[in-house]
């Protein structure tokens, strides 16, 4: 077993997970910041005013990015399975 290949597969998996999750984290951060700014300006401290816009933004982003996500995940899975053959040698 070659530990360098296993470490490289693990590293690429972690980086790919960050690559896939980054658009959702950025969208949640921006929507939450705007909602908090609006709450500060209007002095309305209701928790649902931050939760609902984030939920709607994430749902819309999931629908928008679904083809990219499926293509990226399938390409990564095929590449990772192909590289796993190097671990057993």
Protein backbone atom coordinates (compact mmCIF):
# COMPACT_ATOMS: atom_id res chain seq x y z
CA UNK A 1 0.00 0.00 0.00
CA UNK A 2 1.33 3.37 -0.99
CA UNK A 3 0.55 5.94 1.76
CA UNK A 4 1.34 8.86 -0.55
CA UNK A 5 -1.59 7.96 -2.79
CA UNK A 6 -3.94 7.61 0.20
CA UNK A 7 -2.85 10.99 1.59
CA UNK A 8 -3.27 12.60 -1.82
CA UNK A 9 -6.79 11.15 -2.20
CA UNK A 10 -7.72 12.39 1.28
CA UNK A 11 -6.32 15.86 0.54
CA UNK A 12 -8.17 16.10 -2.76
CA UNK A 13 -11.40 14.96 -1.06
CA UNK A 14 -11.16 17.68 1.59
CA UNK A 15 -10.35 20.34 -1.01
CA UNK A 16 -13.20 19.20 -3.24
CA UNK A 17 -15.63 19.33 -0.30
CA UNK A 18 -14.59 22.94 0.35
CA UNK A 19 -14.91 23.70 -3.37
CA UNK A 20 -18.48 22.35 -3.47
CA UNK A 21 -19.65 23.96 -0.22
CA UNK A 22 -18.07 27.39 -0.78
CA UNK A 23 -20.90 28.91 -2.90
CA UNK A 24 -23.47 27.95 -0.28
CA UNK A 25 -21.40 29.32 2.59
CA UNK A 26 -20.78 32.59 0.77
CA UNK A 27 -24.46 33.00 -0.12
CA UNK A 28 -25.52 32.29 3.47
CA UNK A 29 -22.96 34.75 4.77
CA UNK A 30 -24.07 37.54 2.42
CA UNK A 31 -27.79 36.99 3.01
CA UNK A 32 -27.27 36.80 6.77
CA UNK A 33 -25.21 39.99 6.76
CA UNK A 34 -27.83 41.88 4.75
CA UNK A 35 -30.65 40.58 6.95
CA UNK A 36 -28.76 41.56 10.11
CA UNK A 37 -28.07 45.00 8.69
CA UNK A 38 -31.76 45.46 7.91
CA UNK A 39 -32.69 44.29 11.41
CA UNK A 40 -30.24 46.75 12.95
CA UNK A 41 -31.56 49.64 10.91
CA UNK A 42 -35.22 48.87 11.59
CA UNK A 43 -34.71 47.71 15.22
CA UNK A 44 -36.69 44.52 14.54
CA UNK A 45 -35.15 41.61 16.44
CA UNK A 46 -37.11 38.64 15.09
CA UNK A 47 -35.16 35.40 14.50
CA UNK A 48 -37.27 34.28 11.54
CA UNK A 49 -36.27 37.40 9.61
CA UNK A 50 -32.77 35.96 9.24
CA UNK A 51 -33.72 32.30 8.89
CA UNK A 52 -36.30 32.54 6.09
CA UNK A 53 -34.17 34.60 3.64
CA UNK A 54 -31.23 32.23 4.16
CA UNK A 55 -33.46 29.23 3.53
CA UNK A 56 -34.90 30.78 0.35
CA UNK A 57 -31.43 31.78 -0.91
CA UNK A 58 -30.02 28.30 -0.30
CA UNK A 59 -32.99 26.65 -1.99
CA UNK A 60 -32.66 28.88 -5.04
CA UNK A 61 -28.91 28.36 -5.17
CA UNK A 62 -29.38 24.59 -4.98
CA UNK A 63 -31.74 24.68 -7.94
CA UNK A 64 -29.39 26.96 -9.87
CA UNK A 65 -26.23 24.96 -9.15
CA UNK A 66 -27.72 21.45 -9.36
CA UNK A 67 -26.29 20.63 -12.82
CA UNK A 68 -22.83 21.85 -11.81
CA UNK A 69 -22.96 19.94 -8.53
CA UNK A 70 -24.02 16.68 -10.16
CA UNK A 71 -21.39 16.95 -12.88
CA UNK A 72 -18.63 17.85 -10.41
CA UNK A 73 -19.56 15.10 -7.97
CA UNK A 74 -19.76 12.44 -10.67
CA UNK A 75 -16.40 13.48 -12.18
CA UNK A 76 -14.77 13.49 -8.75
CA UNK A 77 -16.22 10.09 -7.90
CA UNK A 78 -14.97 8.53 -11.14
CA UNK A 79 -11.53 10.08 -10.66
CA UNK A 80 -11.30 8.95 -7.03
CA UNK A 81 -12.36 5.38 -7.78
CA UNK A 82 -9.83 5.22 -10.62
CA UNK A 83 -7.07 6.46 -8.29
CA UNK A 84 -7.97 3.96 -5.54
CA UNK A 85 -6.40 1.23 -7.62
CA UNK A 86 -3.02 2.67 -6.72
CA UNK A 87 -3.61 2.11 -3.01
CA UNK A 88 -3.82 -1.67 -3.30
CA UNK A 89 -0.49 -2.08 -5.05
